[in-house]
Every structure is written in structure tokens, then in C-alpha cells.
N, C-alpha and C. Protein backbone atom coordinates (compact mmCIF):
# COMPACT_ATOMS: atom_id res chain seq x y z
N MET A 1 0.86 -1.18 0.00
CA MET A 1 0.00 0.00 0.00
C MET A 1 0.90 1.24 0.00
N GLU A 2 0.55 2.19 -0.83
CA GLU A 2 1.30 3.45 -0.89
C GLU A 2 0.69 4.42 0.11
N ILE A 3 1.46 4.77 1.15
CA ILE A 3 0.93 5.61 2.23
C ILE A 3 0.57 7.00 1.73
N ALA A 4 1.33 7.55 0.79
CA ALA A 4 1.03 8.89 0.28
C ALA A 4 -0.32 8.90 -0.45
N VAL A 5 -0.56 7.88 -1.26
CA VAL A 5 -1.84 7.78 -1.97
C VAL A 5 -2.97 7.56 -0.98
N PHE A 6 -2.73 6.72 0.02
CA PHE A 6 -3.72 6.47 1.06
C PHE A 6 -4.11 7.76 1.77
N LEU A 7 -3.12 8.50 2.23
CA LEU A 7 -3.39 9.74 2.98
C LEU A 7 -4.08 10.78 2.11
N LYS A 8 -3.61 10.94 0.87
CA LYS A 8 -4.23 11.91 -0.04
C LYS A 8 -5.70 11.56 -0.29
N THR A 9 -5.96 10.29 -0.52
CA THR A 9 -7.33 9.84 -0.77
C THR A 9 -8.20 9.98 0.47
N PHE A 10 -7.68 9.55 1.62
CA PHE A 10 -8.44 9.65 2.86
C PHE A 10 -8.81 11.09 3.16
N ILE A 11 -7.85 11.99 3.08
CA ILE A 11 -8.10 13.40 3.39
C ILE A 11 -9.09 14.00 2.40
N ALA A 12 -8.94 13.71 1.11
CA ALA A 12 -9.84 14.26 0.09
C ALA A 12 -11.28 13.79 0.33
N VAL A 13 -11.46 12.49 0.55
CA VAL A 13 -12.82 11.96 0.76
C VAL A 13 -13.38 12.43 2.09
N PHE A 14 -12.58 12.45 3.12
CA PHE A 14 -13.03 12.90 4.43
C PHE A 14 -13.54 14.34 4.36
N LEU A 15 -12.76 15.22 3.74
CA LEU A 15 -13.17 16.62 3.64
C LEU A 15 -14.38 16.80 2.72
N ALA A 16 -14.44 16.00 1.64
CA ALA A 16 -15.57 16.11 0.72
C ALA A 16 -16.87 15.65 1.37
N GLU A 17 -16.79 14.66 2.23
CA GLU A 17 -17.99 14.12 2.87
C GLU A 17 -18.42 14.91 4.11
N MET A 18 -17.52 15.67 4.70
CA MET A 18 -17.84 16.42 5.92
C MET A 18 -18.92 17.46 5.61
N GLY A 19 -20.05 17.34 6.27
CA GLY A 19 -21.15 18.27 6.06
C GLY A 19 -21.92 18.04 4.77
N ASP A 20 -21.59 16.97 4.07
CA ASP A 20 -22.26 16.63 2.81
C ASP A 20 -23.66 16.09 3.11
N LYS A 21 -24.48 16.03 2.08
CA LYS A 21 -25.84 15.53 2.27
C LYS A 21 -25.85 14.09 2.78
N THR A 22 -24.82 13.32 2.44
CA THR A 22 -24.73 11.96 2.95
C THR A 22 -24.58 11.97 4.47
N GLN A 23 -23.70 12.81 4.96
CA GLN A 23 -23.50 12.87 6.41
C GLN A 23 -24.76 13.38 7.10
N LEU A 24 -25.42 14.35 6.50
CA LEU A 24 -26.66 14.87 7.09
C LEU A 24 -27.75 13.80 7.11
N ALA A 25 -27.80 12.98 6.07
CA ALA A 25 -28.78 11.89 6.05
C ALA A 25 -28.49 10.89 7.17
N VAL A 26 -27.21 10.59 7.39
CA VAL A 26 -26.83 9.66 8.46
C VAL A 26 -27.18 10.25 9.82
N VAL A 27 -26.95 11.55 10.00
CA VAL A 27 -27.32 12.20 11.25
C VAL A 27 -28.82 12.04 11.50
N GLY A 28 -29.61 12.28 10.46
CA GLY A 28 -31.06 12.14 10.58
C GLY A 28 -31.48 10.72 10.91
N LEU A 29 -30.89 9.75 10.22
CA LEU A 29 -31.23 8.35 10.48
C LEU A 29 -30.81 7.93 11.88
N ALA A 30 -29.62 8.35 12.30
CA ALA A 30 -29.14 7.98 13.63
C ALA A 30 -29.99 8.60 14.73
N SER A 31 -30.57 9.76 14.44
CA SER A 31 -31.41 10.39 15.46
C SER A 31 -32.78 9.71 15.58
N GLU A 32 -33.20 9.02 14.53
CA GLU A 32 -34.50 8.35 14.53
C GLU A 32 -34.44 6.90 14.99
N GLU A 33 -33.36 6.23 14.66
CA GLU A 33 -33.27 4.80 14.90
C GLU A 33 -32.65 4.50 16.26
N THR A 34 -33.07 3.38 16.84
CA THR A 34 -32.51 3.00 18.14
C THR A 34 -31.16 2.30 17.98
N SER A 35 -30.95 1.64 16.85
CA SER A 35 -29.69 0.92 16.64
C SER A 35 -28.71 1.78 15.85
N LYS A 36 -27.87 2.50 16.58
CA LYS A 36 -26.87 3.37 15.94
C LYS A 36 -25.85 2.54 15.16
N TRP A 37 -25.52 1.35 15.67
CA TRP A 37 -24.55 0.50 14.98
C TRP A 37 -25.09 0.03 13.64
N THR A 38 -26.39 -0.25 13.55
CA THR A 38 -26.97 -0.65 12.28
C THR A 38 -26.88 0.48 11.27
N VAL A 39 -27.17 1.71 11.71
CA VAL A 39 -27.05 2.87 10.83
C VAL A 39 -25.60 3.05 10.39
N PHE A 40 -24.66 2.91 11.34
CA PHE A 40 -23.24 3.05 11.02
C PHE A 40 -22.79 2.01 10.00
N ILE A 41 -23.12 0.75 10.24
CA ILE A 41 -22.68 -0.32 9.34
C ILE A 41 -23.32 -0.19 7.97
N ALA A 42 -24.63 0.08 7.93
CA ALA A 42 -25.31 0.20 6.64
C ALA A 42 -24.78 1.38 5.83
N SER A 43 -24.57 2.52 6.50
CA SER A 43 -24.08 3.69 5.77
C SER A 43 -22.63 3.49 5.33
N SER A 44 -21.84 2.80 6.15
CA SER A 44 -20.45 2.51 5.77
C SER A 44 -20.40 1.59 4.55
N LEU A 45 -21.23 0.55 4.54
CA LEU A 45 -21.28 -0.36 3.39
C LEU A 45 -21.76 0.35 2.14
N ALA A 46 -22.73 1.25 2.30
CA ALA A 46 -23.21 2.01 1.14
C ALA A 46 -22.10 2.88 0.56
N LEU A 47 -21.33 3.53 1.44
CA LEU A 47 -20.22 4.37 0.97
C LEU A 47 -19.15 3.52 0.30
N ILE A 48 -18.88 2.33 0.83
CA ILE A 48 -17.92 1.42 0.20
C ILE A 48 -18.40 1.03 -1.20
N ALA A 49 -19.69 0.71 -1.33
CA ALA A 49 -20.23 0.31 -2.63
C ALA A 49 -20.13 1.44 -3.65
N VAL A 50 -20.51 2.64 -3.24
CA VAL A 50 -20.47 3.79 -4.15
C VAL A 50 -19.02 4.12 -4.53
N THR A 51 -18.12 4.02 -3.55
CA THR A 51 -16.72 4.27 -3.81
C THR A 51 -16.15 3.24 -4.78
N GLY A 52 -16.55 1.98 -4.62
CA GLY A 52 -16.12 0.93 -5.54
C GLY A 52 -16.54 1.22 -6.97
N ILE A 53 -17.78 1.69 -7.13
CA ILE A 53 -18.25 2.06 -8.47
C ILE A 53 -17.41 3.21 -9.02
N GLY A 54 -17.10 4.18 -8.17
CA GLY A 54 -16.27 5.31 -8.62
C GLY A 54 -14.87 4.88 -9.02
N VAL A 55 -14.27 3.98 -8.25
CA VAL A 55 -12.93 3.50 -8.57
C VAL A 55 -12.95 2.72 -9.89
N LEU A 56 -13.95 1.86 -10.06
CA LEU A 56 -14.05 1.11 -11.32
C LEU A 56 -14.26 2.04 -12.51
N ALA A 57 -15.15 3.02 -12.35
CA ALA A 57 -15.41 3.97 -13.45
C ALA A 57 -14.16 4.80 -13.76
N GLY A 58 -13.46 5.24 -12.71
CA GLY A 58 -12.24 6.02 -12.93
C GLY A 58 -11.15 5.20 -13.59
N GLY A 59 -11.01 3.95 -13.17
CA GLY A 59 -10.02 3.07 -13.79
C GLY A 59 -10.33 2.79 -15.25
N LEU A 60 -11.61 2.58 -15.53
CA LEU A 60 -12.03 2.34 -16.91
C LEU A 60 -11.83 3.59 -17.77
N ALA A 61 -12.21 4.73 -17.23
CA ALA A 61 -12.04 5.99 -17.97
C ALA A 61 -10.57 6.26 -18.26
N ALA A 62 -9.70 5.94 -17.31
CA ALA A 62 -8.26 6.21 -17.48
C ALA A 62 -7.65 5.36 -18.59
N LYS A 63 -8.28 4.23 -18.92
CA LYS A 63 -7.78 3.40 -20.02
C LYS A 63 -8.01 4.05 -21.38
N TYR A 64 -9.04 4.86 -21.48
CA TYR A 64 -9.42 5.42 -22.77
C TYR A 64 -9.24 6.94 -22.85
N ILE A 65 -9.16 7.58 -21.71
CA ILE A 65 -9.07 9.04 -21.67
C ILE A 65 -7.87 9.42 -20.81
N ASN A 66 -7.15 10.44 -21.23
CA ASN A 66 -6.02 10.94 -20.46
C ASN A 66 -6.51 11.31 -19.06
N PRO A 67 -5.85 10.83 -17.99
CA PRO A 67 -6.29 11.13 -16.62
C PRO A 67 -6.43 12.62 -16.32
N VAL A 68 -5.65 13.44 -16.97
CA VAL A 68 -5.77 14.89 -16.77
C VAL A 68 -7.16 15.36 -17.21
N TYR A 69 -7.64 14.84 -18.33
CA TYR A 69 -8.96 15.21 -18.82
C TYR A 69 -10.07 14.67 -17.91
N VAL A 70 -9.84 13.50 -17.33
CA VAL A 70 -10.81 12.95 -16.38
C VAL A 70 -10.92 13.88 -15.17
N LYS A 71 -9.78 14.36 -14.67
CA LYS A 71 -9.80 15.29 -13.54
C LYS A 71 -10.49 16.59 -13.91
N TYR A 72 -10.17 17.13 -15.10
CA TYR A 72 -10.83 18.37 -15.54
C TYR A 72 -12.34 18.17 -15.68
N GLY A 73 -12.72 17.02 -16.26
CA GLY A 73 -14.14 16.72 -16.43
C GLY A 73 -14.86 16.60 -15.10
N ALA A 74 -14.24 15.90 -14.16
CA ALA A 74 -14.85 15.72 -12.84
C ALA A 74 -14.95 17.07 -12.12
N GLY A 75 -13.90 17.88 -12.21
CA GLY A 75 -13.92 19.20 -11.58
C GLY A 75 -14.97 20.10 -12.18
N THR A 76 -15.08 20.07 -13.50
CA THR A 76 -16.08 20.88 -14.19
C THR A 76 -17.49 20.44 -13.81
N LEU A 77 -17.71 19.14 -13.78
CA LEU A 77 -19.02 18.61 -13.40
C LEU A 77 -19.36 19.01 -11.96
N PHE A 78 -18.39 18.97 -11.08
CA PHE A 78 -18.59 19.36 -9.69
C PHE A 78 -19.01 20.83 -9.60
N ILE A 79 -18.35 21.69 -10.37
CA ILE A 79 -18.69 23.12 -10.38
C ILE A 79 -20.09 23.33 -10.96
N VAL A 80 -20.41 22.65 -12.05
CA VAL A 80 -21.74 22.79 -12.67
C VAL A 80 -22.83 22.37 -11.70
N ILE A 81 -22.64 21.24 -11.03
CA ILE A 81 -23.64 20.78 -10.06
C ILE A 81 -23.78 21.80 -8.93
N GLY A 82 -22.66 22.33 -8.46
CA GLY A 82 -22.70 23.35 -7.41
C GLY A 82 -23.48 24.59 -7.85
N LEU A 83 -23.24 25.03 -9.08
CA LEU A 83 -23.97 26.20 -9.60
C LEU A 83 -25.46 25.91 -9.73
N LEU A 84 -25.79 24.71 -10.18
CA LEU A 84 -27.21 24.33 -10.29
C LEU A 84 -27.87 24.33 -8.92
N ILE A 85 -27.15 23.86 -7.92
CA ILE A 85 -27.70 23.86 -6.56
C ILE A 85 -27.88 25.30 -6.07
N ILE A 86 -26.88 26.14 -6.32
CA ILE A 86 -26.98 27.53 -5.89
C ILE A 86 -28.17 28.23 -6.54
N PHE A 87 -28.36 28.00 -7.84
CA PHE A 87 -29.45 28.68 -8.55
C PHE A 87 -30.72 27.86 -8.60
N LYS A 88 -30.72 26.69 -7.93
CA LYS A 88 -31.90 25.84 -7.77
C LYS A 88 -32.56 25.47 -9.10
N LYS A 89 -31.78 24.99 -10.01
CA LYS A 89 -32.31 24.57 -11.32
C LYS A 89 -32.61 23.10 -11.31
């Protein structure tokens, strides 16, 4: 395992998820349900599944598209989604 890649990935995902709608949904579920461990395990598995899809898609895209363009595309899409949220479209 490459520790630099691990730390970069962990920090990026941790910061991206902090205060995200996913975390807010988990807060809401944990406040309603009596089994906090069930909410924790289910939400952790869901994040693992979604992350797996992202890793597979990124790996596949990198085979056919220059990784720099994948990063630009992802960044652009992130900005567009943010603008749509801001302007409520």
C-alpha cells in the first residue's frame, strides 16, 4: 500500500464528505433509529459500494481518456452541479 496515496485519498474523501448531504442523512437516520450500529454499518457499506463504483469507473475511464482530462471533467461537473444547486435549477 502506498501511504502517500492512502493519505491523499483519505483526506480528500473525508473533507468532501464532511457536512455533505450523505452525512446529514446519516445524522437524521441515527437520530430516529434506536440501533446506531446498524445505521453506522449500513451507511459505511453504502459508501464502500459507491466508492467501488467510482474506482471502477475512474479506472475504466483512465484506459481510454487521459487522466488529466478525467480530472478536468470531474472538476467541471462538480462546479456545474454546485452552480445548479446555488441557482436551484
